Amino acid sequence: MSDDKGKMVHMKMLILNHAQVEQLLPMPECISAMEQAFTALAGGGAHQPLRTIFKPPEVKGVLAMMPTFSASPSPLFGLKAICVFPGNAAVGKDAHQGGVMLFDGETGELLAVINASAITAIRTAAVSALATRLLAREDAGNLAIIGAGVQARSHLGAMNCVRLLRRVRIAARSFANAKNFANEMQPHCAVLIEPVASAEAAVRGADIVVTATTSRDPVLQREWISPSAHINAIGTFSPKAREIDTDTIAAATLFVDRRESALNEAGDYLIAAQEGAIGPEHIRADLGEVLTGIHPGRTSPEEITMFKSLGLAIEDLAAAAHVYKKAQETNAGTWVEF
């Protein structure tokens, strides 16, 4: 950018850390931002290719690169570069590590670098909350969470934003992890959080289920699932890993964040399809199509609905744009010459 005398004018770049993102992105605001993002995606106002995942053979994690563009309300590019290291939980770190970069869509200037761990935790749960608001029964309030990590924590708050919870059960890799989760999160939850010893004990009788694990093999079985339940499957993003068994996928009305992503990346769908249980027509709709009324969501009180979340670059861009605007208004974060 240059001024009228031809001198180069440099914009300041914003840096936001984990705590600043959490402060600037409360869950209700993020749910609203995700609704706008999915509506824009359904209407052709946003564009994104499939993510690129790079895994050197000797490394215990992956690097994923997720670019996107949104035309409205102002043109912006976004790029999330994130490492996913499932073993991080054992050393007290989030499995997701990286940054979201925000670029001016007219000049290409780098506007911000924002902590991706915080963005990912909040926006993923916000999208699940949006799906739950659209797809779960109005009277759903018995919540089961499988997993006790970062996503499990953010999903508890997110589900509380869209349904009046009556009961919460948590199951994890170990009962000790489930108990720790309950102890840590109880002050933030109005109803009792009950740690249980197995996924089955958590899921039986639940009408909202969240699977937020790093498991590569199913953590749910069809016979545990109540008629009328809504399931948010959010833990896996690889064609070779799944949290949901084939019978449950086949029995559920399936919704996704984006068809192209699900058909290329969702092991929960792809493995069931390889087994011959389902085909592409089994995907009822993506979230944007439900939001815009192109497809109905739940059509029967008794049906099992499932939202398979992979996480989209447009979600990161929408969250980053929201916190960038709020940081400008409040002078939050660190602004540097770049």
C-alpha atoms as a PDB file:
ATOM      1  CA  MET A   1       0.000   0.000   0.000  1.00  0.00           C
ATOM      2  CA  SER A   2       1.320   3.524  -0.785  1.00  0.00           C
ATOM      3  CA  ASP A   3       0.158   7.051   0.066  1.00  0.00           C
ATOM      4  CA  ASP A   4      -0.469   9.831  -2.458  1.00  0.00           C
ATOM      5  CA  LYS A   5       3.244  10.721  -2.423  1.00  0.00           C
ATOM      6  CA  GLY A   6       4.269   7.226  -3.418  1.00  0.00           C
ATOM      7  CA  LYS A   7       5.698   6.252  -0.039  1.00  0.00           C
ATOM      8  CA  MET A   8       5.018   2.741   1.156  1.00  0.00           C
ATOM      9  CA  VAL A   9       2.496   2.642   4.004  1.00  0.00           C
ATOM     10  CA  HIS A  10       2.716  -0.414   6.235  1.00  0.00           C
ATOM     11  CA  MET A  11      -0.266  -1.638   8.166  1.00  0.00           C
ATOM     12  CA  LYS A  12       0.162  -2.996  11.644  1.00  0.00           C
ATOM     13  CA  MET A  13      -0.321  -6.725  12.147  1.00  0.00           C
ATOM     14  CA  LEU A  14      -2.246  -8.147  15.098  1.00  0.00           C
ATOM     15  CA  ILE A  15      -0.986 -11.051  17.222  1.00  0.00           C
ATOM     16  CA  LEU A  16      -3.473 -12.771  19.541  1.00  0.00           C
ATOM     17  CA  ASN A  17      -2.502 -15.444  22.047  1.00  0.00           C
ATOM     18  CA  HIS A  18      -4.643 -18.264  23.435  1.00  0.00           C
ATOM     19  CA  ALA A  19      -6.094 -16.349  26.383  1.00  0.00           C
ATOM     20  CA  GLN A  20      -6.879 -13.289  24.243  1.00  0.00           C
ATOM     21  CA  VAL A  21      -8.784 -15.422  21.715  1.00  0.00           C
ATOM     22  CA  GLU A  22     -10.831 -16.995  24.519  1.00  0.00           C
ATOM     23  CA  GLN A  23     -11.691 -13.541  25.840  1.00  0.00           C
ATOM     24  CA  LEU A  24     -12.660 -12.151  22.421  1.00  0.00           C
ATOM     25  CA  LEU A  25     -14.606 -15.202  21.221  1.00  0.00           C
ATOM     26  CA  PRO A  26     -17.353 -16.154  23.712  1.00  0.00           C
ATOM     27  CA  MET A  27     -19.321 -19.203  22.600  1.00  0.00           C
ATOM     28  CA  PRO A  28     -22.657 -17.478  21.780  1.00  0.00           C
ATOM     29  CA  GLU A  29     -20.858 -14.984  19.512  1.00  0.00           C
ATOM     30  CA  CYS A  30     -18.919 -17.779  17.828  1.00  0.00           C
ATOM     31  CA  ILE A  31     -22.110 -19.768  17.162  1.00  0.00           C
ATOM     32  CA  SER A  32     -23.557 -16.690  15.455  1.00  0.00           C
ATOM     33  CA  ALA A  33     -20.357 -16.244  13.399  1.00  0.00           C
ATOM     34  CA  MET A  34     -20.496 -19.910  12.324  1.00  0.00           C
ATOM     35  CA  GLU A  35     -24.117 -19.518  11.232  1.00  0.00           C
ATOM     36  CA  GLN A  36     -23.114 -16.594   9.010  1.00  0.00           C
ATOM     37  CA  ALA A  37     -20.137 -18.552   7.623  1.00  0.00           C
ATOM     38  CA  PHE A  38     -22.185 -21.613   6.669  1.00  0.00           C
ATOM     39  CA  THR A  39     -24.884 -19.445   5.138  1.00  0.00           C
ATOM     40  CA  ALA A  40     -22.214 -17.687   3.026  1.00  0.00           C
ATOM     41  CA  LEU A  41     -20.686 -21.021   1.989  1.00  0.00           C
ATOM     42  CA  ALA A  42     -24.088 -22.360   0.915  1.00  0.00           C
ATOM     43  CA  GLY A  43     -24.736 -19.160  -1.067  1.00  0.00           C
ATOM     44  CA  GLY A  44     -21.414 -19.179  -2.928  1.00  0.00           C
ATOM     45  CA  GLY A  45     -19.970 -16.229  -1.015  1.00  0.00           C
ATOM     46  CA  ALA A  46     -17.040 -18.252   0.310  1.00  0.00           C
ATOM     47  CA  HIS A  47     -14.553 -20.569  -1.371  1.00  0.00           C
ATOM     48  CA  GLN A  48     -12.176 -23.213  -0.095  1.00  0.00           C
ATOM     49  CA  PRO A  49     -10.241 -26.179  -1.476  1.00  0.00           C
ATOM     50  CA  LEU A  50      -9.790 -29.413   0.434  1.00  0.00           C
ATOM     51  CA  ARG A  51      -7.164 -29.161   3.163  1.00  0.00           C
ATOM     52  CA  THR A  52      -3.654 -30.424   2.497  1.00  0.00           C
ATOM     53  CA  ILE A  53      -2.304 -32.859   5.092  1.00  0.00           C
ATOM     54  CA  PHE A  54       1.406 -33.597   5.234  1.00  0.00           C
ATOM     55  CA  LYS A  55       2.717 -36.516   7.300  1.00  0.00           C
ATOM     56  CA  PRO A  56       6.398 -37.455   7.116  1.00  0.00           C
ATOM     57  CA  PRO A  57       6.684 -41.179   7.908  1.00  0.00           C
ATOM     58  CA  GLU A  58       8.892 -40.774  10.986  1.00  0.00           C
ATOM     59  CA  VAL A  59       6.717 -38.105  12.684  1.00  0.00           C
ATOM     60  CA  LYS A  60       3.946 -38.793  15.231  1.00  0.00           C
ATOM     61  CA  GLY A  61       1.775 -35.947  13.992  1.00  0.00           C
ATOM     62  CA  VAL A  62       0.616 -34.154  10.856  1.00  0.00           C
ATOM     63  CA  LEU A  63       0.720 -30.642   9.428  1.00  0.00           C
ATOM     64  CA  ALA A  64      -2.564 -29.508   7.901  1.00  0.00           C
ATOM     65  CA  MET A  65      -2.918 -26.398   5.723  1.00  0.00           C
ATOM     66  CA  MET A  66      -6.387 -24.929   5.280  1.00  0.00           C
ATOM     67  CA  PRO A  67      -6.843 -21.933   2.956  1.00  0.00           C
ATOM     68  CA  THR A  68     -10.124 -20.123   2.290  1.00  0.00           C
ATOM     69  CA  PHE A  69     -11.627 -16.887   0.950  1.00  0.00           C
ATOM     70  CA  SER A  70     -14.742 -14.971   1.951  1.00  0.00           C
ATOM     71  CA  ALA A  71     -16.157 -12.053  -0.036  1.00  0.00           C
ATOM     72  CA  SER A  72     -18.414 -10.604   2.651  1.00  0.00           C
ATOM     73  CA  PRO A  73     -18.697  -8.414   4.679  1.00  0.00           C
ATOM     74  CA  SER A  74     -15.209  -7.465   3.421  1.00  0.00           C
ATOM     75  CA  PRO A  75     -12.905  -9.598   1.241  1.00  0.00           C
ATOM     76  CA  LEU A  76     -10.576 -11.731   3.336  1.00  0.00           C
ATOM     77  CA  PHE A  77      -8.237 -14.657   2.831  1.00  0.00           C
ATOM     78  CA  GLY A  78      -7.561 -17.032   5.668  1.00  0.00           C
ATOM     79  CA  LEU A  79      -4.964 -19.746   6.149  1.00  0.00           C
ATOM     80  CA  LYS A  80      -4.773 -22.080   9.099  1.00  0.00           C
ATOM     81  CA  ALA A  81      -1.514 -23.977   9.426  1.00  0.00           C
ATOM     82  CA  ILE A  82      -1.930 -26.469  12.214  1.00  0.00           C
ATOM     83  CA  CYS A  83      -0.039 -29.445  13.574  1.00  0.00           C
ATOM     84  CA  VAL A  84      -2.087 -32.239  15.101  1.00  0.00           C
ATOM     85  CA  PHE A  85      -0.182 -34.403  17.583  1.00  0.00           C
ATOM     86  CA  PRO A  86      -2.606 -36.800  19.323  1.00  0.00           C
ATOM     87  CA  GLY A  87       0.021 -37.718  21.930  1.00  0.00           C
ATOM     88  CA  ASN A  88       0.133 -34.173  23.297  1.00  0.00           C
ATOM     89  CA  ALA A  89      -2.595 -34.858  25.873  1.00  0.00           C
ATOM     90  CA  ALA A  90      -0.161 -37.089  27.770  1.00  0.00           C
ATOM     91  CA  VAL A  91       2.126 -34.086  28.349  1.00  0.00           C
ATOM     92  CA  GLY A  92      -0.680 -31.643  29.144  1.00  0.00           C
ATOM     93  CA  LYS A  93      -0.775 -29.913  25.765  1.00  0.00           C
ATOM     94  CA  ASP A  94      -3.548 -29.440  23.212  1.00  0.00           C
ATOM     95  CA  ALA A  95      -3.292 -31.853  20.271  1.00  0.00           C
ATOM     96  CA  HIS A  96      -3.818 -28.863  17.936  1.00  0.00           C
ATOM     97  CA  GLN A  97      -0.915 -26.390  17.638  1.00  0.00           C
ATOM     98  CA  GLY A  98      -0.588 -23.638  15.075  1.00  0.00           C
ATOM     99  CA  GLY A  99      -1.773 -20.298  13.798  1.00  0.00           C
ATOM    100  CA  VAL A 100      -4.558 -18.746  11.756  1.00  0.00           C
ATOM    101  CA  MET A 101      -3.390 -16.028   9.387  1.00  0.00           C
ATOM    102  CA  LEU A 102      -5.803 -13.382   8.168  1.00  0.00           C
ATOM    103  CA  PHE A 103      -5.085 -11.475   4.929  1.00  0.00           C
ATOM    104  CA  ASP A 104      -6.728  -8.443   3.360  1.00  0.00           C
ATOM    105  CA  GLY A 105      -8.637  -9.750   0.326  1.00  0.00           C
ATOM    106  CA  GLU A 106      -7.978  -6.597  -1.719  1.00  0.00           C
ATOM    107  CA  THR A 107      -4.291  -5.920  -1.036  1.00  0.00           C
ATOM    108  CA  GLY A 108      -3.072  -9.291   0.268  1.00  0.00           C
ATOM    109  CA  GLU A 109      -1.604  -7.680   3.403  1.00  0.00           C
ATOM    110  CA  LEU A 110      -1.185  -9.934   6.421  1.00  0.00           C
ATOM    111  CA  LEU A 111      -3.570  -8.548   9.029  1.00  0.00           C
ATOM    112  CA  ALA A 112      -3.242 -11.005  11.895  1.00  0.00           C
ATOM    113  CA  VAL A 113      -1.660 -14.153  13.289  1.00  0.00           C
ATOM    114  CA  ILE A 114      -3.993 -15.760  15.797  1.00  0.00           C
ATOM    115  CA  ASN A 115      -3.559 -18.760  18.102  1.00  0.00           C
ATOM    116  CA  ALA A 116      -5.105 -21.701  16.233  1.00  0.00           C
ATOM    117  CA  SER A 117      -5.480 -23.973  19.247  1.00  0.00           C
ATOM    118  CA  ALA A 118      -7.986 -21.583  20.832  1.00  0.00           C
ATOM    119  CA  ILE A 119      -9.761 -20.836  17.537  1.00  0.00           C
ATOM    120  CA  THR A 120     -10.098 -24.569  16.766  1.00  0.00           C
ATOM    121  CA  ALA A 121     -11.433 -25.482  20.203  1.00  0.00           C
ATOM    122  CA  ILE A 122     -14.097 -22.774  20.205  1.00  0.00           C
ATOM    123  CA  ARG A 123     -15.227 -22.834  16.576  1.00  0.00           C
ATOM    124  CA  THR A 124     -15.470 -26.651  16.419  1.00  0.00           C
ATOM    125  CA  ALA A 125     -17.775 -26.708  19.430  1.00  0.00           C
ATOM    126  CA  ALA A 126     -19.735 -23.743  18.078  1.00  0.00           C
ATOM    127  CA  VAL A 127     -20.430 -25.607  14.827  1.00  0.00           C
ATOM    128  CA  SER A 128     -21.562 -28.665  16.805  1.00  0.00           C
ATOM    129  CA  ALA A 129     -23.851 -26.361  18.801  1.00  0.00           C
ATOM    130  CA  LEU A 130     -25.271 -24.976  15.560  1.00  0.00           C
ATOM    131  CA  ALA A 131     -25.882 -28.526  14.295  1.00  0.00           C
ATOM    132  CA  THR A 132     -27.467 -29.496  17.608  1.00  0.00           C
ATOM    133  CA  ARG A 133     -29.733 -26.459  17.527  1.00  0.00           C
ATOM    134  CA  LEU A 134     -30.879 -27.407  14.021  1.00  0.00           C
ATOM    135  CA  LEU A 135     -31.071 -31.205  14.384  1.00  0.00           C
ATOM    136  CA  ALA A 136     -31.602 -32.319  17.984  1.00  0.00           C
ATOM    137  CA  ARG A 137     -35.073 -32.643  19.429  1.00  0.00           C
ATOM    138  CA  GLU A 138     -36.303 -29.465  21.110  1.00  0.00           C
ATOM    139  CA  ASP A 139     -36.610 -31.316  24.424  1.00  0.00           C
ATOM    140  CA  ALA A 140     -33.182 -32.993  24.228  1.00  0.00           C
ATOM    141  CA  GLY A 141     -31.196 -32.448  27.421  1.00  0.00           C
ATOM    142  CA  ASN A 142     -29.438 -35.679  28.421  1.00  0.00           C
ATOM    143  CA  LEU A 143     -25.854 -35.159  27.219  1.00  0.00           C
ATOM    144  CA  ALA A 144     -23.157 -37.812  26.852  1.00  0.00           C
ATOM    145  CA  ILE A 145     -19.576 -36.802  26.048  1.00  0.00           C
ATOM    146  CA  ILE A 146     -16.998 -39.409  25.035  1.00  0.00           C
ATOM    147  CA  GLY A 147     -13.526 -37.958  25.573  1.00  0.00           C
ATOM    148  CA  ALA A 148     -12.146 -35.636  28.219  1.00  0.00           C
ATOM    149  CA  GLY A 149      -9.772 -33.364  26.301  1.00  0.00           C
ATOM    150  CA  VAL A 150      -9.920 -29.820  24.974  1.00  0.00           C
ATOM    151  CA  GLN A 151     -12.847 -30.475  22.642  1.00  0.00           C
ATOM    152  CA  ALA A 152     -14.870 -32.232  25.333  1.00  0.00           C
ATOM    153  CA  ARG A 153     -14.488 -29.152  27.529  1.00  0.00           C
ATOM    154  CA  SER A 154     -15.514 -26.658  24.865  1.00  0.00           C
ATOM    155  CA  HIS A 155     -18.431 -28.863  23.747  1.00  0.00           C
ATOM    156  CA  LEU A 156     -19.922 -28.939  27.242  1.00  0.00           C
ATOM    157  CA  GLY A 157     -20.256 -25.152  27.177  1.00  0.00           C
ATOM    158  CA  ALA A 158     -21.457 -25.147  23.582  1.00  0.00           C
ATOM    159  CA  MET A 159     -24.237 -27.692  24.162  1.00  0.00           C
ATOM    160  CA  ASN A 160     -25.360 -25.639  27.146  1.00  0.00           C
ATOM    161  CA  CYS A 161     -25.891 -22.673  24.804  1.00  0.00           C
ATOM    162  CA  VAL A 162     -28.462 -24.424  22.597  1.00  0.00           C
ATOM    163  CA  ARG A 163     -30.309 -26.907  24.837  1.00  0.00           C
ATOM    164  CA  LEU A 164     -31.378 -26.902  28.477  1.00  0.00           C
ATOM    165  CA  LEU A 165     -29.235 -29.693  29.905  1.00  0.00           C
ATOM    166  CA  ARG A 166     -30.786 -31.994  32.498  1.00  0.00           C
ATOM    167  CA  ARG A 167     -27.983 -34.535  32.815  1.00  0.00           C
ATOM    168  CA  VAL A 168     -24.345 -34.805  31.735  1.00  0.00           C
ATOM    169  CA  ARG A 169     -22.340 -38.023  31.658  1.00  0.00           C
ATOM    170  CA  ILE A 170     -18.687 -38.184  30.700  1.00  0.00           C
ATOM    171  CA  ALA A 171     -16.632 -41.224  29.681  1.00  0.00           C
ATOM    172  CA  ALA A 172     -12.946 -41.129  28.803  1.00  0.00           C
ATOM    173  CA  ARG A 173     -10.000 -43.394  28.089  1.00  0.00           C
ATOM    174  CA  SER A 174      -9.739 -43.917  31.843  1.00  0.00           C
ATOM    175  CA  PHE A 175     -12.210 -43.360  34.674  1.00  0.00           C
ATOM    176  CA  ALA A 176      -9.610 -41.119  36.331  1.00  0.00           C
ATOM    177  CA  ASN A 177      -9.670 -38.815  33.288  1.00  0.00           C
ATOM    178  CA  ALA A 178     -13.472 -38.720  33.406  1.00  0.00           C
ATOM    179  CA  LYS A 179     -13.390 -37.838  37.112  1.00  0.00           C
ATOM    180  CA  ASN A 180     -10.820 -35.098  36.533  1.00  0.00           C
ATOM    181  CA  PHE A 181     -13.016 -33.639  33.785  1.00  0.00           C
ATOM    182  CA  ALA A 182     -16.064 -33.662  36.054  1.00  0.00           C
ATOM    183  CA  ASN A 183     -14.187 -32.014  38.920  1.00  0.00           C
ATOM    184  CA  GLU A 184     -12.690 -29.340  36.681  1.00  0.00           C
ATOM    185  CA  MET A 185     -15.859 -28.515  34.747  1.00  0.00           C
ATOM    186  CA  GLN A 186     -18.502 -28.817  37.488  1.00  0.00           C
ATOM    187  CA  PRO A 187     -18.145 -25.149  38.602  1.00  0.00           C
ATOM    188  CA  HIS A 188     -19.024 -24.112  35.020  1.00  0.00           C
ATOM    189  CA  CYS A 189     -22.105 -26.341  34.678  1.00  0.00           C
ATOM    190  CA  ALA A 190     -25.470 -25.935  36.410  1.00  0.00           C
ATOM    191  CA  VAL A 191     -26.291 -29.656  36.369  1.00  0.00           C
ATOM    192  CA  LEU A 192     -24.351 -32.544  37.861  1.00  0.00           C
ATOM    193  CA  ILE A 193     -21.536 -33.916  35.666  1.00  0.00           C
ATOM    194  CA  GLU A 194     -21.394 -37.654  36.255  1.00  0.00           C
ATOM    195  CA  PRO A 195     -18.171 -39.505  35.341  1.00  0.00           C
ATOM    196  CA  VAL A 196     -18.876 -43.072  34.212  1.00  0.00           C
ATOM    197  CA  ALA A 197     -16.630 -46.050  33.535  1.00  0.00           C
ATOM    198  CA  SER A 198     -17.593 -46.767  29.901  1.00  0.00           C
ATOM    199  CA  ALA A 199     -18.865 -45.156  26.726  1.00  0.00           C
ATOM    200  CA  GLU A 200     -21.908 -47.430  26.916  1.00  0.00           C
ATOM    201  CA  ALA A 201     -22.808 -46.153  30.388  1.00  0.00           C
ATOM    202  CA  ALA A 202     -22.547 -42.567  29.130  1.00  0.00           C
ATOM    203  CA  VAL A 203     -24.512 -43.047  25.923  1.00  0.00           C
ATOM    204  CA  ARG A 204     -27.452 -45.205  27.036  1.00  0.00           C
ATOM    205  CA  GLY A 205     -30.432 -42.917  27.539  1.00  0.00           C
ATOM    206  CA  ALA A 206     -28.665 -39.855  26.110  1.00  0.00           C
ATOM    207  CA  ASP A 207     -30.435 -37.739  23.495  1.00  0.00           C
ATOM    208  CA  ILE A 208     -27.342 -35.635  22.674  1.00  0.00           C
ATOM    209  CA  VAL A 209     -24.032 -37.453  22.161  1.00  0.00           C
ATOM    210  CA  VAL A 210     -20.618 -35.892  21.501  1.00  0.00           C
ATOM    211  CA  THR A 211     -17.691 -38.076  20.448  1.00  0.00           C
ATOM    212  CA  ALA A 212     -14.479 -36.079  20.939  1.00  0.00           C
ATOM    213  CA  THR A 213     -11.714 -38.663  20.981  1.00  0.00           C
ATOM    214  CA  THR A 214      -8.480 -39.427  19.173  1.00  0.00           C
ATOM    215  CA  SER A 215      -9.567 -43.065  18.707  1.00  0.00           C
ATOM    216  CA  ARG A 216      -9.001 -44.684  15.323  1.00  0.00           C
ATOM    217  CA  ASP A 217     -11.654 -47.340  16.038  1.00  0.00           C
ATOM    218  CA  PRO A 218     -15.356 -46.950  16.892  1.00  0.00           C
ATOM    219  CA  VAL A 219     -16.215 -45.801  20.401  1.00  0.00           C
ATOM    220  CA  LEU A 220     -19.984 -46.121  19.817  1.00  0.00           C
ATOM    221  CA  GLN A 221     -22.161 -49.142  19.103  1.00  0.00           C
ATOM    222  CA  ARG A 222     -25.604 -49.006  17.535  1.00  0.00           C
ATOM    223  CA  GLU A 223     -27.383 -50.870  20.342  1.00  0.00           C
ATOM    224  CA  TRP A 224     -26.416 -48.172  22.847  1.00  0.00           C
ATOM    225  CA  ILE A 225     -28.038 -45.328  20.877  1.00  0.00           C
ATOM    226  CA  SER A 226     -31.531 -44.185  21.836  1.00  0.00           C
ATOM    227  CA  PRO A 227     -34.154 -43.579  19.165  1.00  0.00           C
ATOM    228  CA  SER A 228     -34.365 -39.803  18.673  1.00  0.00           C
ATOM    229  CA  ALA A 229     -30.741 -39.154  19.732  1.00  0.00           C
ATOM    230  CA  HIS A 230     -28.559 -36.585  17.999  1.00  0.00           C
ATOM    231  CA  ILE A 231     -24.847 -37.390  17.642  1.00  0.00           C
ATOM    232  CA  ASN A 232     -22.026 -34.913  17.010  1.00  0.00           C
ATOM    233  CA  ALA A 233     -19.036 -36.909  15.711  1.00  0.00           C
ATOM    234  CA  ILE A 234     -16.082 -34.552  15.813  1.00  0.00           C
ATOM    235  CA  GLY A 235     -12.929 -36.412  16.831  1.00  0.00           C
ATOM    236  CA  THR A 236     -11.574 -37.816  13.568  1.00  0.00           C
ATOM    237  CA  PHE A 237     -10.601 -36.163  10.271  1.00  0.00           C
ATOM    238  CA  SER A 238      -8.738 -38.989   8.521  1.00  0.00           C
ATOM    239  CA  PRO A 239     -10.078 -41.462   5.919  1.00  0.00           C
ATOM    240  CA  LYS A 240      -8.619 -44.343   7.955  1.00  0.00           C
ATOM    241  CA  ALA A 241      -9.937 -43.446  11.428  1.00  0.00           C
ATOM    242  CA  ARG A 242     -13.477 -43.444  12.801  1.00  0.00           C
ATOM    243  CA  GLU A 243     -15.333 -43.028  16.069  1.00  0.00           C
ATOM    244  CA  ILE A 244     -18.730 -44.258  14.822  1.00  0.00           C
ATOM    245  CA  ASP A 245     -19.494 -47.894  13.957  1.00  0.00           C
ATOM    246  CA  THR A 246     -21.001 -48.836  10.608  1.00  0.00           C
ATOM    247  CA  ASP A 247     -24.381 -49.867  12.028  1.00  0.00           C
ATOM    248  CA  THR A 248     -24.859 -46.488  13.720  1.00  0.00           C
ATOM    249  CA  ILE A 249     -23.851 -44.548  10.593  1.00  0.00           C
ATOM    250  CA  ALA A 250     -26.257 -46.642   8.506  1.00  0.00           C
ATOM    251  CA  ALA A 251     -29.129 -46.158  10.973  1.00  0.00           C
ATOM    252  CA  ALA A 252     -28.663 -42.406  11.335  1.00  0.00           C
ATOM    253  CA  THR A 253     -29.775 -39.532   9.137  1.00  0.00           C
ATOM    254  CA  LEU A 254     -26.366 -38.108   8.250  1.00  0.00           C
ATOM    255  CA  PHE A 255     -25.499 -34.428   7.994  1.00  0.00           C
ATOM    256  CA  VAL A 256     -22.008 -33.042   7.318  1.00  0.00           C
ATOM    257  CA  ASP A 257     -20.221 -29.713   7.381  1.00  0.00           C
ATOM    258  CA  ARG A 258     -19.405 -30.099   3.663  1.00  0.00           C
ATOM    259  CA  ARG A 259     -20.090 -32.972   1.279  1.00  0.00           C
ATOM    260  CA  GLU A 260     -16.788 -32.716  -0.616  1.00  0.00           C
ATOM    261  CA  SER A 261     -14.830 -32.903   2.626  1.00  0.00           C
ATOM    262  CA  ALA A 262     -16.852 -35.843   3.971  1.00  0.00           C
ATOM    263  CA  LEU A 263     -16.480 -37.844   0.756  1.00  0.00           C
ATOM    264  CA  ASN A 264     -12.702 -37.356   0.812  1.00  0.00           C
ATOM    265  CA  GLU A 265     -11.748 -37.193   4.487  1.00  0.00           C
ATOM    266  CA  ALA A 266     -14.377 -38.662   6.829  1.00  0.00           C
ATOM    267  CA  GLY A 267     -13.344 -42.146   7.908  1.00  0.00           C
ATOM    268  CA  ASP A 268     -16.646 -42.507   9.772  1.00  0.00           C
ATOM    269  CA  TYR A 269     -18.414 -42.281   6.393  1.00  0.00           C
ATOM    270  CA  LEU A 270     -15.737 -43.761   4.107  1.00  0.00           C
ATOM    271  CA  ILE A 271     -15.144 -47.009   6.026  1.00  0.00           C
ATOM    272  CA  ALA A 272     -18.886 -47.698   6.234  1.00  0.00           C
ATOM    273  CA  ALA A 273     -19.133 -46.977   2.487  1.00  0.00           C
ATOM    274  CA  GLN A 274     -16.227 -49.339   1.747  1.00  0.00           C
ATOM    275  CA  GLU A 275     -18.089 -52.027   3.681  1.00  0.00           C
ATOM    276  CA  GLY A 276     -21.049 -51.504   1.336  1.00  0.00           C
ATOM    277  CA  ALA A 277     -23.420 -50.270   4.054  1.00  0.00           C
ATOM    278  CA  ILE A 278     -24.007 -46.774   2.647  1.00  0.00           C
ATOM    279  CA  GLY A 279     -23.312 -44.620  -0.408  1.00  0.00           C
ATOM    280  CA  PRO A 280     -23.069 -40.881  -1.170  1.00  0.00           C
ATOM    281  CA  GLU A 281     -26.863 -40.574  -1.163  1.00  0.00           C
ATOM    282  CA  HIS A 282     -26.809 -41.408   2.566  1.00  0.00           C
ATOM    283  CA  ILE A 283     -25.609 -37.858   3.271  1.00  0.00           C
ATOM    284  CA  ARG A 284     -28.876 -35.978   3.721  1.00  0.00           C
ATOM    285  CA  ALA A 285     -27.424 -32.463   3.556  1.00  0.00           C
ATOM    286  CA  ASP A 286     -24.644 -30.217   4.667  1.00  0.00           C
ATOM    287  CA  LEU A 287     -25.194 -27.714   7.444  1.00  0.00           C
ATOM    288  CA  GLY A 288     -25.494 -24.723   5.116  1.00  0.00           C
ATOM    289  CA  GLU A 289     -28.287 -26.431   3.184  1.00  0.00           C
ATOM    290  CA  VAL A 290     -30.247 -26.959   6.400  1.00  0.00           C
ATOM    291  CA  LEU A 291     -29.617 -23.382   7.531  1.00  0.00           C
ATOM    292  CA  THR A 292     -30.857 -21.927   4.244  1.00  0.00           C
ATOM    293  CA  GLY A 293     -33.881 -24.224   4.012  1.00  0.00           C
ATOM    294  CA  ILE A 294     -32.659 -26.126   0.933  1.00  0.00           C
ATOM    295  CA  HIS A 295     -33.000 -29.383   2.883  1.00  0.00           C
ATOM    296  CA  PRO A 296     -34.991 -30.210   5.994  1.00  0.00           C
ATOM    297  CA  GLY A 297     -33.155 -31.214   9.118  1.00  0.00           C
ATOM    298  CA  ARG A 298     -34.805 -33.694  11.460  1.00  0.00           C
ATOM    299  CA  THR A 299     -38.108 -34.902   9.984  1.00  0.00           C
ATOM    300  CA  SER A 300     -39.218 -37.291  12.733  1.00  0.00           C
ATOM    301  CA  PRO A 301     -39.023 -37.233  16.549  1.00  0.00           C
ATOM    302  CA  GLU A 302     -37.800 -40.843  16.508  1.00  0.00           C
ATOM    303  CA  GLU A 303     -34.985 -40.608  13.963  1.00  0.00           C
ATOM    304  CA  ILE A 304     -31.328 -40.690  14.956  1.00  0.00           C
ATOM    305  CA  THR A 305     -29.551 -37.668  13.512  1.00  0.00           C
ATOM    306  CA  MET A 306     -25.798 -37.412  13.168  1.00  0.00           C
ATOM    307  CA  PHE A 307     -23.560 -34.473  12.355  1.00  0.00           C
ATOM    308  CA  LYS A 308     -20.132 -35.487  11.092  1.00  0.00           C
ATOM    309  CA  SER A 309     -17.767 -32.576  11.643  1.00  0.00           C
ATOM    310  CA  LEU A 310     -14.401 -32.384   9.906  1.00  0.00           C
ATOM    311  CA  GLY A 311     -13.689 -28.717  10.501  1.00  0.00           C
ATOM    312  CA  LEU A 312     -13.571 -26.260   7.611  1.00  0.00           C
ATOM    313  CA  ALA A 313     -11.195 -23.431   6.804  1.00  0.00           C
ATOM    314  CA  ILE A 314     -14.171 -21.059   6.485  1.00  0.00           C
ATOM    315  CA  GLU A 315     -14.898 -21.673  10.190  1.00  0.00           C
ATOM    316  CA  ASP A 316     -11.382 -20.543  11.101  1.00  0.00           C
ATOM    317  CA  LEU A 317     -11.645 -17.480   8.857  1.00  0.00           C
ATOM    318  CA  ALA A 318     -15.013 -16.470  10.337  1.00  0.00           C
ATOM    319  CA  ALA A 319     -13.717 -16.857  13.901  1.00  0.00           C
ATOM    320  CA  ALA A 320     -10.484 -14.999  13.089  1.00  0.00           C
ATOM    321  CA  ALA A 321     -12.353 -12.147  11.376  1.00  0.00           C
ATOM    322  CA  HIS A 322     -14.623 -11.824  14.406  1.00  0.00           C
ATOM    323  CA  VAL A 323     -11.795 -11.587  16.919  1.00  0.00           C
ATOM    324  CA  TYR A 324      -9.814  -9.252  14.627  1.00  0.00           C
ATOM    325  CA  LYS A 325     -12.718  -6.808  14.490  1.00  0.00           C
ATOM    326  CA  LYS A 326     -13.209  -6.947  18.258  1.00  0.00           C
ATOM    327  CA  ALA A 327      -9.490  -6.494  18.857  1.00  0.00           C
ATOM    328  CA  GLN A 328      -9.548  -3.373  16.655  1.00  0.00           C
ATOM    329  CA  GLU A 329     -12.477  -1.986  18.636  1.00  0.00           C
ATOM    330  CA  THR A 330     -10.945  -2.696  22.044  1.00  0.00           C
ATOM    331  CA  ASN A 331      -7.237  -2.343  21.182  1.00  0.00           C
ATOM    332  CA  ALA A 332      -6.683  -5.904  22.408  1.00  0.00           C
ATOM    333  CA  GLY A 333      -3.691  -8.059  21.535  1.00  0.00           C
ATOM    334  CA  THR A 334      -0.272  -7.002  20.296  1.00  0.00           C
ATOM    335  CA  TRP A 335      -0.009  -4.776  17.197  1.00  0.00           C
ATOM    336  CA  VAL A 336       3.350  -4.790  15.413  1.00  0.00           C
ATOM    337  CA  GLU A 337       4.875  -3.250  12.301  1.00  0.00           C
ATOM    338  CA  PHE A 338       5.368  -5.984   9.723  1.00  0.00           C
END
